[in-house]
Each structure stands twice: as C-alpha cells, then as structure tokens.
PDB file of N, CA and C in Angstrom:
ATOM      1  N   MET A   1      31.542   2.693 -20.209  1.00  0.00           N
ATOM      2  CA  MET A   1      32.079   1.272 -20.740  1.00  0.00           C
ATOM      3  C   MET A   1      30.637   0.657 -19.777  1.00  0.00           C
ATOM      4  N   SER A   2      30.693  -0.571 -19.320  1.00  0.00           N
ATOM      5  CA  SER A   2      29.534  -0.967 -18.959  1.00  0.00           C
ATOM      6  C   SER A   2      30.511  -2.100 -18.081  1.00  0.00           C
ATOM      7  N   ARG A   3      29.642  -2.333 -16.891  1.00  0.00           N
ATOM      8  CA  ARG A   3      30.340  -2.458 -16.001  1.00  0.00           C
ATOM      9  C   ARG A   3      30.990  -4.068 -16.141  1.00  0.00           C
ATOM     10  N   ILE A   4      30.182  -5.213 -16.707  1.00  0.00           N
ATOM     11  CA  ILE A   4      30.825  -6.060 -17.271  1.00  0.00           C
ATOM     12  C   ILE A   4      32.379  -5.949 -17.913  1.00  0.00           C
ATOM     13  N   ARG A   5      32.141  -4.829 -18.754  1.00  0.00           N
ATOM     14  CA  ARG A   5      33.390  -5.185 -19.870  1.00  0.00           C
ATOM     15  C   ARG A   5      34.178  -4.335 -18.961  1.00  0.00           C
ATOM     16  N   TYR A   6      34.066  -3.780 -17.961  1.00  0.00           N
ATOM     17  CA  TYR A   6      35.095  -3.086 -17.361  1.00  0.00           C
ATOM     18  C   TYR A   6      35.723  -4.262 -16.242  1.00  0.00           C
ATOM     19  N   ILE A   7      34.989  -5.698 -16.271  1.00  0.00           N
ATOM     20  CA  ILE A   7      35.763  -6.329 -15.168  1.00  0.00           C
ATOM     21  C   ILE A   7      36.209  -6.927 -15.935  1.00  0.00           C
ATOM     22  N   ILE A   8      36.066  -7.734 -17.019  1.00  0.00           N
ATOM     23  CA  ILE A   8      36.721  -8.532 -18.164  1.00  0.00           C
ATOM     24  C   ILE A   8      37.997  -7.813 -18.134  1.00  0.00           C
ATOM     25  N   MET A   9      38.119  -6.124 -19.089  1.00  0.00           N
ATOM     26  CA  MET A   9      39.371  -5.750 -19.182  1.00  0.00           C
ATOM     27  C   MET A   9      40.608  -5.644 -17.838  1.00  0.00           C
ATOM     28  N   ALA A  10      39.353  -5.559 -16.940  1.00  0.00           N
ATOM     29  CA  ALA A  10      40.395  -5.690 -15.495  1.00  0.00           C
ATOM     30  C   ALA A  10      41.597  -6.874 -15.316  1.00  0.00           C
ATOM     31  N   SER A  11      40.316  -7.996 -15.011  1.00  0.00           N
ATOM     32  CA  SER A  11      40.905  -9.385 -14.629  1.00  0.00           C
ATOM     33  C   SER A  11      41.947  -9.667 -15.983  1.00  0.00           C
ATOM     34  N   SER A  12      41.518  -9.222 -17.362  1.00  0.00           N
ATOM     35  CA  SER A  12      42.351  -9.846 -18.193  1.00  0.00           C
ATOM     36  C   SER A  12      43.953  -8.743 -18.824  1.00  0.00           C
ATOM     37  N   LEU A  13      43.852  -7.185 -17.992  1.00  0.00           N
ATOM     38  CA  LEU A  13      45.151  -6.532 -17.797  1.00  0.00           C
ATOM     39  C   LEU A  13      46.033  -7.312 -17.552  1.00  0.00           C
ATOM     40  N   SER A  14      45.832  -7.760 -16.255  1.00  0.00           N
ATOM     41  CA  SER A  14      47.108  -8.445 -15.076  1.00  0.00           C
ATOM     42  C   SER A  14      47.665  -9.676 -15.778  1.00  0.00           C
ATOM     43  N   ASN A  15      47.183 -10.289 -17.256  1.00  0.00           N
ATOM     44  CA  ASN A  15      47.701 -11.100 -17.725  1.00  0.00           C
ATOM     45  C   ASN A  15      48.682 -10.989 -19.126  1.00  0.00           C
ATOM     46  N   ILE A  16      48.653  -9.838 -19.530  1.00  0.00           N
ATOM     47  CA  ILE A  16      48.923  -9.369 -20.990  1.00  0.00           C
ATOM     48  C   ILE A  16      50.395  -8.744 -20.910  1.00  0.00           C
ATOM     49  N   SER A  17      51.095  -8.626 -21.831  1.00  0.00           N
ATOM     50  CA  SER A  17      52.742  -8.141 -21.826  1.00  0.00           C
ATOM     51  C   SER A  17      52.676  -6.728 -21.888  1.00  0.00           C
ATOM     52  N   VAL A  18      53.187  -5.360 -21.754  1.00  0.00           N
ATOM     53  CA  VAL A  18      54.299  -4.223 -21.687  1.00  0.00           C
ATOM     54  C   VAL A  18      52.883  -4.049 -23.572  1.00  0.00           C
ATOM     55  N   ARG A  19      53.398  -4.482 -24.271  1.00  0.00           N
ATOM     56  CA  ARG A  19      53.318  -3.972 -25.640  1.00  0.00           C
ATOM     57  C   ARG A  19      52.272  -4.317 -26.102  1.00  0.00           C
ATOM     58  N   GLU A  20      51.588  -5.077 -25.380  1.00  0.00           N
ATOM     59  CA  GLU A  20      50.005  -5.459 -25.894  1.00  0.00           C
ATOM     60  C   GLU A  20      49.259  -4.481 -25.411  1.00  0.00           C
ATOM     61  N   LEU A  21      50.074  -3.820 -24.132  1.00  0.00           N
ATOM     62  CA  LEU A  21      48.818  -3.006 -23.086  1.00  0.00           C
ATOM     63  C   LEU A  21      48.778  -1.913 -23.760  1.00  0.00           C
ATOM     64  N   LYS A  22      49.977  -0.622 -24.327  1.00  0.00           N
ATOM     65  CA  LYS A  22      50.772  -0.321 -25.263  1.00  0.00           C
ATOM     66  C   LYS A  22      49.321  -0.346 -26.647  1.00  0.00           C
ATOM     67  N   LYS A  23      49.400  -1.245 -27.012  1.00  0.00           N
ATOM     68  CA  LYS A  23      48.648  -1.796 -28.568  1.00  0.00           C
ATOM     69  C   LYS A  23      47.093  -1.360 -28.008  1.00  0.00           C
ATOM     70  N   ALA A  24      46.750  -2.007 -27.143  1.00  0.00           N
ATOM     71  CA  ALA A  24      45.359  -1.395 -26.698  1.00  0.00           C
ATOM     72  C   ALA A  24      44.999  -0.374 -26.445  1.00  0.00           C
ATOM     73  N   VAL A  25      45.833   0.245 -25.731  1.00  0.00           N
ATOM     74  CA  VAL A  25      45.653   2.124 -25.847  1.00  0.00           C
ATOM     75  C   VAL A  25      45.348   2.537 -26.711  1.00  0.00           C
ATOM     76  N   THR A  26      46.403   2.428 -27.977  1.00  0.00           N
ATOM     77  CA  THR A  26      46.569   2.468 -29.160  1.00  0.00           C
ATOM     78  C   THR A  26      44.987   2.498 -29.614  1.00  0.00           C
ATOM     79  N   LEU A  27      44.535   1.317 -29.870  1.00  0.00           N
ATOM     80  CA  LEU A  27      43.264   0.568 -30.295  1.00  0.00           C
ATOM     81  C   LEU A  27      42.314   1.431 -29.830  1.00  0.00           C
ATOM     82  N   ARG A  28      41.816   1.694 -28.446  1.00  0.00           N
ATOM     83  CA  ARG A  28      41.335   2.502 -27.327  1.00  0.00           C
ATOM     84  C   ARG A  28      40.948   3.885 -27.811  1.00  0.00           C
ATOM     85  N   VAL A  29      42.139   4.418 -28.077  1.00  0.00           N
ATOM     86  CA  VAL A  29      42.070   6.077 -29.126  1.00  0.00           C
ATOM     87  C   VAL A  29      41.384   6.257 -30.291  1.00  0.00           C
ATOM     88  N   ARG A  30      42.113   4.881 -30.603  1.00  0.00           N
ATOM     89  CA  ARG A  30      41.955   5.191 -32.218  1.00  0.00           C
ATOM     90  C   ARG A  30      40.024   4.951 -32.641  1.00  0.00           C
ATOM     91  N   ILE A  31      39.201   3.942 -31.538  1.00  0.00           N
ATOM     92  CA  ILE A  31      37.718   4.170 -31.287  1.00  0.00           C
ATOM     93  C   ILE A  31      36.894   5.090 -30.914  1.00  0.00           C
ATOM     94  N   GLU A  32      37.461   5.763 -29.787  1.00  0.00           N
ATOM     95  CA  GLU A  32      37.323   7.243 -29.056  1.00  0.00           C
ATOM     96  C   GLU A  32      37.212   8.224 -30.362  1.00  0.00           C
ATOM     97  N   ALA A  33      37.938   8.407 -31.334  1.00  0.00           N
ATOM     98  CA  ALA A  33      38.362   9.078 -32.116  1.00  0.00           C
ATOM     99  C   ALA A  33      37.330   8.663 -33.302  1.00  0.00           C
ATOM    100  N   LEU A  34      36.873   7.557 -34.009  1.00  0.00           N
ATOM    101  CA  LEU A  34      35.719   6.952 -34.366  1.00  0.00           C
ATOM    102  C   LEU A  34      34.838   7.844 -34.533  1.00  0.00           C
ATOM    103  N   GLU A  35      34.524   7.500 -32.700  1.00  0.00           N
ATOM    104  CA  GLU A  35      33.149   7.674 -31.882  1.00  0.00           C
ATOM    105  C   GLU A  35      32.960   8.659 -32.363  1.00  0.00           C
ATOM    106  N   GLN A  36      34.126   9.718 -31.942  1.00  0.00           N
ATOM    107  CA  GLN A  36      33.546  10.997 -32.072  1.00  0.00           C
ATOM    108  C   GLN A  36      32.822  11.517 -33.858  1.00  0.00           C
ATOM    109  N   GLN A  37      33.513  10.857 -34.609  1.00  0.00           N
ATOM    110  CA  GLN A  37      33.746  11.375 -35.340  1.00  0.00           C
ATOM    111  C   GLN A  37      32.131  10.833 -35.908  1.00  0.00           C
ATOM    112  N   LEU A  38      31.691  10.044 -35.248  1.00  0.00           N
ATOM    113  CA  LEU A  38      30.525   9.127 -36.230  1.00  0.00           C
ATOM    114  C   LEU A  38      29.633  10.460 -35.342  1.00  0.00           C
ATOM    115  N   ALA A  39      29.291  10.765 -34.285  1.00  0.00           N
ATOM    116  CA  ALA A  39      29.150  11.387 -33.320  1.00  0.00           C
ATOM    117  C   ALA A  39      28.874  12.837 -34.455  1.00  0.00           C
ATOM    118  N   ALA A  40      29.788  13.703 -35.091  1.00  0.00           N
ATOM    119  CA  ALA A  40      29.769  14.513 -35.608  1.00  0.00           C
ATOM    120  C   ALA A  40      28.894  14.258 -37.062  1.00  0.00           C
ATOM    121  N   ILE A  41      28.877  13.233 -37.775  1.00  0.00           N
ATOM    122  CA  ILE A  41      27.918  12.978 -38.650  1.00  0.00           C
ATOM    123  C   ILE A  41      26.708  12.708 -38.230  1.00  0.00           C
ATOM    124  N   LEU A  42      26.500  11.789 -37.398  1.00  0.00           N
ATOM    125  CA  LEU A  42      24.826  11.615 -37.152  1.00  0.00           C
ATOM    126  C   LEU A  42      24.319  12.945 -36.186  1.00  0.00           C
ATOM    127  N   GLY A  43      24.946  13.932 -35.725  1.00  0.00           N
ATOM    128  CA  GLY A  43      24.514  14.579 -34.877  1.00  0.00           C
ATOM    129  C   GLY A  43      23.926  13.710 -33.479  1.00  0.00           C
ATOM    130  N   ASP A  44      25.331  12.916 -32.364  1.00  0.00           N
ATOM    131  CA  ASP A  44      24.946  12.928 -31.368  1.00  0.00           C
ATOM    132  C   ASP A  44      24.233  11.499 -31.130  1.00  0.00           C
ATOM    133  N   ALA A  45      23.496  11.339 -32.079  1.00  0.00           N
ATOM    134  CA  ALA A  45      22.491   9.493 -31.680  1.00  0.00           C
ATOM    135  C   ALA A  45      22.537   9.196 -31.717  1.00  0.00           C
ATOM    136  N   ALA A  46      24.214   8.372 -32.179  1.00  0.00           N
ATOM    137  CA  ALA A  46      24.947   7.212 -32.191  1.00  0.00           C
ATOM    138  C   ALA A  46      25.315   6.338 -31.344  1.00  0.00           C
ATOM    139  N   PRO A  47      25.810   7.626 -30.440  1.00  0.00           N
ATOM    140  CA  PRO A  47      26.703   7.233 -29.338  1.00  0.00           C
ATOM    141  C   PRO A  47      25.912   6.572 -28.019  1.00  0.00           C
ATOM    142  N   ALA A  48      24.451   7.394 -27.824  1.00  0.00           N
ATOM    143  CA  ALA A  48      23.548   7.120 -27.258  1.00  0.00           C
ATOM    144  C   ALA A  48      23.086   5.692 -27.033  1.00  0.00           C
ATOM    145  N   ALA A  49      22.966   5.439 -28.565  1.00  0.00           N
ATOM    146  CA  ALA A  49      22.340   3.867 -28.827  1.00  0.00           C
ATOM    147  C   ALA A  49      22.822   3.100 -28.618  1.00  0.00           C
ATOM    148  N   ALA A  50      24.718   3.169 -28.111  1.00  0.00           N
ATOM    149  CA  ALA A  50      25.285   1.902 -28.805  1.00  0.00           C
ATOM    150  C   ALA A  50      25.316   2.147 -27.101  1.00  0.00           C
ATOM    151  N   GLY A  51      25.500   2.587 -26.278  1.00  0.00           N
ATOM    152  CA  GLY A  51      25.897   2.820 -24.662  1.00  0.00           C
ATOM    153  C   GLY A  51      25.040   3.207 -23.973  1.00  0.00           C
ATOM    154  N   GLY A  52      23.312   2.708 -24.427  1.00  0.00           N
ATOM    155  CA  GLY A  52      22.364   2.951 -23.507  1.00  0.00           C
ATOM    156  C   GLY A  52      21.227   4.038 -23.086  1.00  0.00           C
ATOM    157  N   ARG A  53      20.357   4.866 -22.695  1.00  0.00           N
ATOM    158  CA  ARG A  53      19.695   5.907 -23.465  1.00  0.00           C
ATOM    159  C   ARG A  53      20.463   6.872 -22.956  1.00  0.00           C
ATOM    160  N   GLY A  54      21.322   7.716 -22.868  1.00  0.00           N
ATOM    161  CA  GLY A  54      21.468   9.134 -22.437  1.00  0.00           C
ATOM    162  C   GLY A  54      20.703   9.108 -21.127  1.00  0.00           C
ATOM    163  N   GLY A  55      20.454  10.555 -21.189  1.00  0.00           N
ATOM    164  CA  GLY A  55      20.192  11.003 -19.712  1.00  0.00           C
ATOM    165  C   GLY A  55      18.527  10.175 -19.734  1.00  0.00           C
ATOM    166  N   ARG A  56      18.350  11.475 -18.356  1.00  0.00           N
ATOM    167  CA  ARG A  56      16.642  10.783 -18.262  1.00  0.00           C
ATOM    168  C   ARG A  56      15.442  11.327 -19.493  1.00  0.00           C
ATOM    169  N   ARG A  57      14.417  10.856 -19.200  1.00  0.00           N
ATOM    170  CA  ARG A  57      13.373  10.892 -20.624  1.00  0.00           C
ATOM    171  C   ARG A  57      12.678  11.817 -19.366  1.00  0.00           C
ATOM    172  N   LYS A  58      12.676  12.739 -20.143  1.00  0.00           N
ATOM    173  CA  LYS A  58      11.477  13.960 -19.960  1.00  0.00           C
ATOM    174  C   LYS A  58      10.207  13.988 -20.352  1.00  0.00           C
ATOM    175  N   MET A  59       8.946  14.483 -19.450  1.00  0.00           N
ATOM    176  CA  MET A  59       7.787  14.399 -19.523  1.00  0.00           C
ATOM    177  C   MET A  59       6.806  15.079 -19.580  1.00  0.00           C
ATOM    178  N   SER A  60       6.293  15.752 -20.081  1.00  0.00           N
ATOM    179  CA  SER A  60       5.126  16.736 -20.170  1.00  0.00           C
ATOM    180  C   SER A  60       4.720  17.748 -19.034  1.00  0.00           C
ATOM    181  N   ALA A  61       4.357  17.922 -18.612  1.00  0.00           N
ATOM    182  CA  ALA A  61       2.936  18.090 -17.502  1.00  0.00           C
ATOM    183  C   ALA A  61       1.811  17.685 -17.597  1.00  0.00           C
ATOM    184  N   SER A  62       1.018  17.499 -18.449  1.00  0.00           N
ATOM    185  CA  SER A  62       0.280  17.333 -18.818  1.00  0.00           C
ATOM    186  C   SER A  62       0.092  15.722 -18.547  1.00  0.00           C
ATOM    187  N   ALA A  63       0.630  14.878 -19.836  1.00  0.00           N
ATOM    188  CA  ALA A  63       1.312  13.236 -19.187  1.00  0.00           C
ATOM    189  C   ALA A  63       1.233  13.237 -17.973  1.00  0.00           C
ATOM    190  N   ARG A  64       1.884  13.873 -17.370  1.00  0.00           N
ATOM    191  CA  ARG A  64       2.103  13.663 -15.493  1.00  0.00           C
ATOM    192  C   ARG A  64       0.855  13.786 -15.138  1.00  0.00           C
ATOM    193  N   ALA A  65       0.225  14.773 -15.075  1.00  0.00           N
ATOM    194  CA  ALA A  65      -0.956  14.686 -14.540  1.00  0.00           C
ATOM    195  C   ALA A  65      -2.030  13.354 -14.897  1.00  0.00           C
ATOM    196  N   LYS A  66      -1.979  13.340 -16.040  1.00  0.00           N
ATOM    197  CA  LYS A  66      -2.798  11.983 -16.820  1.00  0.00           C
ATOM    198  C   LYS A  66      -2.576  11.243 -16.412  1.00  0.00           C
ATOM    199  N   ILE A  67      -1.207  10.858 -15.867  1.00  0.00           N
ATOM    200  CA  ILE A  67      -0.710   9.155 -14.748  1.00  0.00           C
ATOM    201  C   ILE A  67      -1.496   9.266 -13.977  1.00  0.00           C
ATOM    202  N   GLY A  68      -0.875  10.719 -13.184  1.00  0.00           N
ATOM    203  CA  GLY A  68      -1.115  10.863 -12.008  1.00  0.00           C
ATOM    204  C   GLY A  68      -2.746  10.310 -11.818  1.00  0.00           C
ATOM    205  N   ALA A  69      -3.096  11.401 -12.569  1.00  0.00           N
ATOM    206  CA  ALA A  69      -4.760  11.073 -12.682  1.00  0.00           C
ATOM    207  C   ALA A  69      -5.565   9.970 -12.568  1.00  0.00           C
ATOM    208  N   ALA A  70      -4.665   9.208 -13.720  1.00  0.00           N
ATOM    209  CA  ALA A  70      -5.358   7.551 -13.500  1.00  0.00           C
ATOM    210  C   ALA A  70      -5.063   6.744 -12.882  1.00  0.00           C
ATOM    211  N   GLN A  71      -3.358   6.731 -11.919  1.00  0.00           N
ATOM    212  CA  GLN A  71      -3.441   6.147 -10.606  1.00  0.00           C
ATOM    213  C   GLN A  71      -4.558   6.305  -9.718  1.00  0.00           C
ATOM    214  N   ARG A  72      -4.494   8.223  -9.476  1.00  0.00           N
ATOM    215  CA  ARG A  72      -5.905   7.290  -8.286  1.00  0.00           C
ATOM    216  C   ARG A  72      -6.623   7.684  -8.277  1.00  0.00           C
ATOM    217  N   LEU A  73      -7.387   7.407  -9.821  1.00  0.00           N
ATOM    218  CA  LEU A  73      -8.600   6.747  -9.743  1.00  0.00           C
ATOM    219  C   LEU A  73      -8.596   4.923 -10.079  1.00  0.00           C
ATOM    220  N   ARG A  74      -7.606   4.654 -10.134  1.00  0.00           N
ATOM    221  CA  ARG A  74      -6.751   2.627  -9.543  1.00  0.00           C
ATOM    222  C   ARG A  74      -7.201   3.404  -8.073  1.00  0.00           C
ATOM    223  N   TRP A  75      -6.406   3.588  -7.453  1.00  0.00           N
ATOM    224  CA  TRP A  75      -6.152   3.698  -5.575  1.00  0.00           C
ATOM    225  C   TRP A  75      -7.446   4.002  -5.553  1.00  0.00           C
ATOM    226  N   ALA A  76      -8.938   5.161  -6.094  1.00  0.00           N
ATOM    227  CA  ALA A  76     -10.177   5.021  -5.309  1.00  0.00           C
ATOM    228  C   ALA A  76     -11.040   3.795  -5.700  1.00  0.00           C
ATOM    229  N   LYS A  77     -10.885   3.193  -6.969  1.00  0.00           N
ATOM    230  CA  LYS A  77     -11.100   1.464  -6.914  1.00  0.00           C
ATOM    231  C   LYS A  77     -11.157   0.916  -5.806  1.00  0.00           C
ATOM    232  N   GLN A  78      -9.943   0.794  -5.918  1.00  0.00           N
ATOM    233  CA  GLN A  78      -9.515  -0.834  -4.684  1.00  0.00           C
ATOM    234  C   GLN A  78     -10.651   0.150  -3.864  1.00  0.00           C
ATOM    235  N   ARG A  79     -10.242   1.455  -2.675  1.00  0.00           N
ATOM    236  CA  ARG A  79     -10.542   1.322  -1.476  1.00  0.00           C
ATOM    237  C   ARG A  79     -12.245   1.292  -1.507  1.00  0.00           C
ATOM    238  N   LYS A  80     -12.783   1.669  -2.593  1.00  0.00           N
ATOM    239  CA  LYS A  80     -14.261   1.874  -2.390  1.00  0.00           C
ATOM    240  C   LYS A  80     -14.394  -0.007  -2.419  1.00  0.00           C
ATOM    241  N   GLY A  81     -13.580  -1.310  -3.095  1.00  0.00           N
ATOM    242  CA  GLY A  81     -14.164  -2.409  -3.031  1.00  0.00           C
ATOM    243  C   GLY A  81     -13.694  -2.747  -1.679  1.00  0.00           C
ATOM    244  N   VAL A  82     -12.782  -2.395  -0.802  1.00  0.00           N
ATOM    245  CA  VAL A  82     -12.335  -3.164   0.454  1.00  0.00           C
ATOM    246  C   VAL A  82     -13.209  -2.891   1.690  1.00  0.00           C
ATOM    247  N   LYS A  83     -14.449  -1.628   1.817  1.00  0.00           N
ATOM    248  CA  LYS A  83     -15.491  -0.758   2.037  1.00  0.00           C
ATOM    249  C   LYS A  83     -16.245  -2.074   3.593  1.00  0.00           C
ATOM    250  N   GLY A  84     -16.757  -2.913   2.870  1.00  0.00           N
ATOM    251  CA  GLY A  84     -17.630  -3.874   3.722  1.00  0.00           C
ATOM    252  C   GLY A  84     -17.135  -5.000   3.641  1.00  0.00           C
ATOM    253  N   PRO A  85     -18.047  -5.329   5.314  1.00  0.00           N
ATOM    254  CA  PRO A  85     -16.583  -6.414   5.715  1.00  0.00           C
ATOM    255  C   PRO A  85     -17.003  -7.221   4.769  1.00  0.00           C
ATOM    256  N   LYS A  86     -15.980  -8.195   5.248  1.00  0.00           N
ATOM    257  CA  LYS A  86     -16.019  -9.874   4.466  1.00  0.00           C
ATOM    258  C   LYS A  86     -17.713 -10.646   4.520  1.00  0.00           C
ATOM    259  N   LYS A  87     -17.825 -11.681   3.507  1.00  0.00           N
ATOM    260  CA  LYS A  87     -19.132 -12.328   4.056  1.00  0.00           C
ATOM    261  C   LYS A  87     -18.345 -13.512   4.296  1.00  0.00           C
ATOM    262  N   GLY A  88     -19.359 -13.928   5.545  1.00  0.00           N
ATOM    263  CA  GLY A  88     -18.871 -14.709   6.032  1.00  0.00           C
ATOM    264  C   GLY A  88     -19.138 -16.390   5.533  1.00  0.00           C
ATOM    265  N   ARG A  89     -18.508 -17.178   6.160  1.00  0.00           N
ATOM    266  CA  ARG A  89     -18.489 -18.453   5.189  1.00  0.00           C
ATOM    267  C   ARG A  89     -20.091 -19.364   5.194  1.00  0.00           C
ATOM    268  N   ARG A  90     -20.512 -20.186   3.969  1.00  0.00           N
ATOM    269  CA  ARG A  90     -22.221 -20.181   3.662  1.00  0.00           C
ATOM    270  C   ARG A  90     -22.295 -21.469   4.459  1.00  0.00           C
ATOM    271  N   LYS A  91     -23.781 -21.415   5.105  1.00  0.00           N
ATOM    272  CA  LYS A  91     -24.112 -22.088   5.090  1.00  0.00           C
ATOM    273  C   LYS A  91     -25.162 -23.055   4.925  1.00  0.00           C
ATOM    274  N   MET A  92     -24.613 -24.508   5.112  1.00  0.00           N
ATOM    275  CA  MET A  92     -25.844 -25.744   4.470  1.00  0.00           C
ATOM    276  C   MET A  92     -26.417 -26.289   5.124  1.00  0.00           C
ATOM    277  N   SER A  93     -27.264 -25.959   4.501  1.00  0.00           N
ATOM    278  CA  SER A  93     -29.282 -26.455   5.641  1.00  0.00           C
ATOM    279  C   SER A  93     -28.851 -27.740   6.366  1.00  0.00           C
ATOM    280  N   ALA A  94     -30.072 -27.958   7.095  1.00  0.00           N
ATOM    281  CA  ALA A  94     -30.283 -29.582   7.782  1.00  0.00           C
ATOM    282  C   ALA A  94     -30.706 -30.363   6.838  1.00  0.00           C
ATOM    283  N   SER A  95     -31.330 -29.980   5.529  1.00  0.00           N
ATOM    284  CA  SER A  95     -32.009 -31.612   4.861  1.00  0.00           C
ATOM    285  C   SER A  95     -30.769 -32.070   3.968  1.00  0.00           C
ATOM    286  N   ALA A  96     -30.053 -30.062   3.499  1.00  0.00           N
ATOM    287  CA  ALA A  96     -28.184 -30.623   2.466  1.00  0.00           C
ATOM    288  C   ALA A  96     -27.369 -31.921   3.203  1.00  0.00           C
ATOM    289  N   ARG A  97     -27.280 -31.433   4.621  1.00  0.00           N
ATOM    290  CA  ARG A  97     -26.629 -32.170   5.526  1.00  0.00           C
ATOM    291  C   ARG A  97     -26.737 -33.748   5.245  1.00  0.00           C
ATOM    292  N   ALA A  98     -28.351 -34.108   5.914  1.00  0.00           N
ATOM    293  CA  ALA A  98     -28.924 -35.276   5.976  1.00  0.00           C
ATOM    294  C   ALA A  98     -28.396 -36.147   4.464  1.00  0.00           C
ATOM    295  N   ARG A  99     -28.504 -35.239   3.634  1.00  0.00           N
ATOM    296  CA  ARG A  99     -28.802 -35.948   1.942  1.00  0.00           C
ATOM    297  C   ARG A  99     -27.320 -36.712   2.345  1.00  0.00           C
ATOM    298  N   ILE A 100     -26.510 -35.736   2.328  1.00  0.00           N
ATOM    299  CA  ILE A 100     -24.867 -36.036   2.355  1.00  0.00           C
ATOM    300  C   ILE A 100     -24.303 -37.579   3.070  1.00  0.00           C
ATOM    301  N   ALA A 101     -25.245 -37.157   3.952  1.00  0.00           N
ATOM    302  CA  ALA A 101     -24.649 -38.094   5.349  1.00  0.00           C
ATOM    303  C   ALA A 101     -25.302 -39.533   5.154  1.00  0.00           C
ATOM    304  N   ALA A 102     -26.459 -39.629   4.460  1.00  0.00           N
ATOM    305  CA  ALA A 102     -26.984 -40.660   3.859  1.00  0.00           C
ATOM    306  C   ALA A 102     -26.552 -41.158   2.870  1.00  0.00           C
ATOM    307  N   SER A 103     -26.000 -40.644   2.132  1.00  0.00           N
ATOM    308  CA  SER A 103     -24.892 -41.068   0.780  1.00  0.00           C
ATOM    309  C   SER A 103     -23.844 -41.696   1.890  1.00  0.00           C
ATOM    310  N   ALA A 104     -23.280 -40.608   2.790  1.00  0.00           N
ATOM    311  CA  ALA A 104     -22.266 -41.533   2.984  1.00  0.00           C
ATOM    312  C   ALA A 104     -22.005 -42.697   3.402  1.00  0.00           C
ATOM    313  N   ARG A 105     -22.891 -42.939   4.649  1.00  0.00           N
ATOM    314  CA  ARG A 105     -23.182 -44.026   5.083  1.00  0.00           C
ATOM    315  C   ARG A 105     -23.685 -45.409   4.264  1.00  0.00           C
ATOM    316  N   ALA A 106     -24.309 -44.845   3.269  1.00  0.00           N
ATOM    317  CA  ALA A 106     -24.481 -45.876   1.743  1.00  0.00           C
ATOM    318  C   ALA A 106     -23.270 -46.130   1.621  1.00  0.00           C
ATOM    319  N   ARG A 107     -22.127 -45.538   0.797  1.00  0.00           N
ATOM    320  CA  ARG A 107     -20.934 -45.661   0.467  1.00  0.00           C
ATOM    321  C   ARG A 107     -20.141 -46.788   0.907  1.00  0.00           C
ATOM    322  N   TRP A 108     -20.672 -46.319   2.878  1.00  0.00           N
ATOM    323  CA  TRP A 108     -19.494 -46.925   4.043  1.00  0.00           C
ATOM    324  C   TRP A 108     -19.878 -48.389   3.693  1.00  0.00           C
ATOM    325  N   ALA A 109     -21.342 -48.790   3.619  1.00  0.00           N
ATOM    326  CA  ALA A 109     -22.086 -49.936   3.689  1.00  0.00           C
ATOM    327  C   ALA A 109     -21.696 -50.994   3.067  1.00  0.00           C
ATOM    328  N   LYS A 110     -21.662 -50.111   1.971  1.00  0.00           N
ATOM    329  CA  LYS A 110     -21.364 -50.824   0.584  1.00  0.00           C
ATOM    330  C   LYS A 110     -20.128 -51.616   0.551  1.00  0.00           C
ATOM    331  N   VAL A 111     -19.080 -50.797   1.134  1.00  0.00           N
ATOM    332  CA  VAL A 111     -18.140 -51.418   0.979  1.00  0.00           C
ATOM    333  C   VAL A 111     -17.404 -52.274   2.638  1.00  0.00           C
ATOM    334  N   LYS A 112     -18.307 -51.950   3.055  1.00  0.00           N
ATOM    335  CA  LYS A 112     -18.156 -52.891   4.854  1.00  0.00           C
ATOM    336  C   LYS A 112     -18.477 -54.489   3.841  1.00  0.00           C
ATOM    337  N   ALA A 113     -19.356 -54.505   3.247  1.00  0.00           N
ATOM    338  CA  ALA A 113     -20.249 -55.241   2.455  1.00  0.00           C
ATOM    339  C   ALA A 113     -19.601 -56.343   1.864  1.00  0.00           C
ATOM    340  N   ARG A 114     -18.046 -55.689   1.389  1.00  0.00           N
ATOM    341  CA  ARG A 114     -17.915 -56.547  -0.601  1.00  0.00           C
ATOM    342  C   ARG A 114     -16.348 -56.618   0.652  1.00  0.00           C
ATOM    343  N   GLY A 115     -15.979 -56.361   2.279  1.00  0.00           N
ATOM    344  CA  GLY A 115     -14.985 -56.803   2.717  1.00  0.00           C
ATOM    345  C   GLY A 115     -14.059 -55.955   3.173  1.00  0.00           C
ATOM    346  N   GLY A 116     -14.320 -54.167   2.772  1.00  0.00           N
ATOM    347  CA  GLY A 116     -12.941 -53.385   2.027  1.00  0.00           C
ATOM    348  C   GLY A 116     -12.964 -52.546   3.498  1.00  0.00           C
ATOM    349  N   ARG A 117     -11.565 -51.852   3.258  1.00  0.00           N
ATOM    350  CA  ARG A 117     -11.643 -51.259   4.484  1.00  0.00           C
ATOM    351  C   ARG A 117     -11.265 -49.229   4.537  1.00  0.00           C
ATOM    352  N   THR A 118     -11.469 -49.650   2.974  1.00  0.00           N
ATOM    353  CA  THR A 118     -11.364 -48.433   2.629  1.00  0.00           C
ATOM    354  C   THR A 118     -12.464 -48.149   1.322  1.00  0.00           C
ATOM    355  N   LEU A 119     -12.302 -46.878   0.829  1.00  0.00           N
ATOM    356  CA  LEU A 119     -13.656 -46.718  -0.404  1.00  0.00           C
ATOM    357  C   LEU A 119     -12.423 -46.748  -1.309  1.00  0.00           C
ATOM    358  N   ALA A 120     -11.498 -46.538  -1.607  1.00  0.00           N
ATOM    359  CA  ALA A 120     -10.698 -46.995  -2.639  1.00  0.00           C
ATOM    360  C   ALA A 120     -10.981 -47.929  -3.042  1.00  0.00           C
ATOM    361  N   GLY A 121     -10.683 -49.085  -2.426  1.00  0.00           N
ATOM    362  CA  GLY A 121     -10.216 -50.466  -2.255  1.00  0.00           C
ATOM    363  C   GLY A 121     -11.295 -51.342  -2.989  1.00  0.00           C
TER     364      GLY A 121
END
C-alpha cells in the first residue's frame, strides 16, 4: 500500500462508524482474495505491475562491465581535458585600443556638440 493511501486511510478512519469500519475490512479482505486469484491466473505479473516494480532488477556481469568501462572512459576524457593551464585573457593590440579610444572621443564630441550629457539622449 502506498504511503499516500495509508495517510488518507488513517485520517479517514477516525471519522467513520464501527459499521462502516467493518464494511471496509470485509471489502479489503475481498480485494486481497481477488488479487490472489488474479495472480494465480496471470502468474504473479499483475500485483507487481499494480504496486510498482517488484524487487531489484538483476543485471548481468557483462552489462555491468560495459557500463563500468564506459564510465571510466568518460572520466578519462574529463581528466584529459583539464590537464593544461587555462589560457589567460586575450590582449588587445595598441593600435586597436587607439582606434577604439578615438571612436569613443568622436562619439562624445558629437554628444557634447548638440548639448547632451549622455550617449542615449
């Protein structure tokens, strides 16, 4: 029984009469009997599907080895990529800086010529 169903049943049990409680118990017994009959017919496949996955899934040794090998490869690739030092910041040439500074001065000269105080306005 799932945890939510249990909580709902526990909270609703305090609000029902004895007669309703007996009726609920007989219904539960009938449901369990029907589930057992269904399991006998279907070969234990239905209860596991209704209540979740049964037990732990089995994995073959070869499948586990393949998964482990693939993970080790991923780790090796990751370690390989981290080997060298990180590259430093890119440096701008002096002529490029001079061009940018000149264009900024020209832009501000236009702004001040029209009497503005900001580039946006």
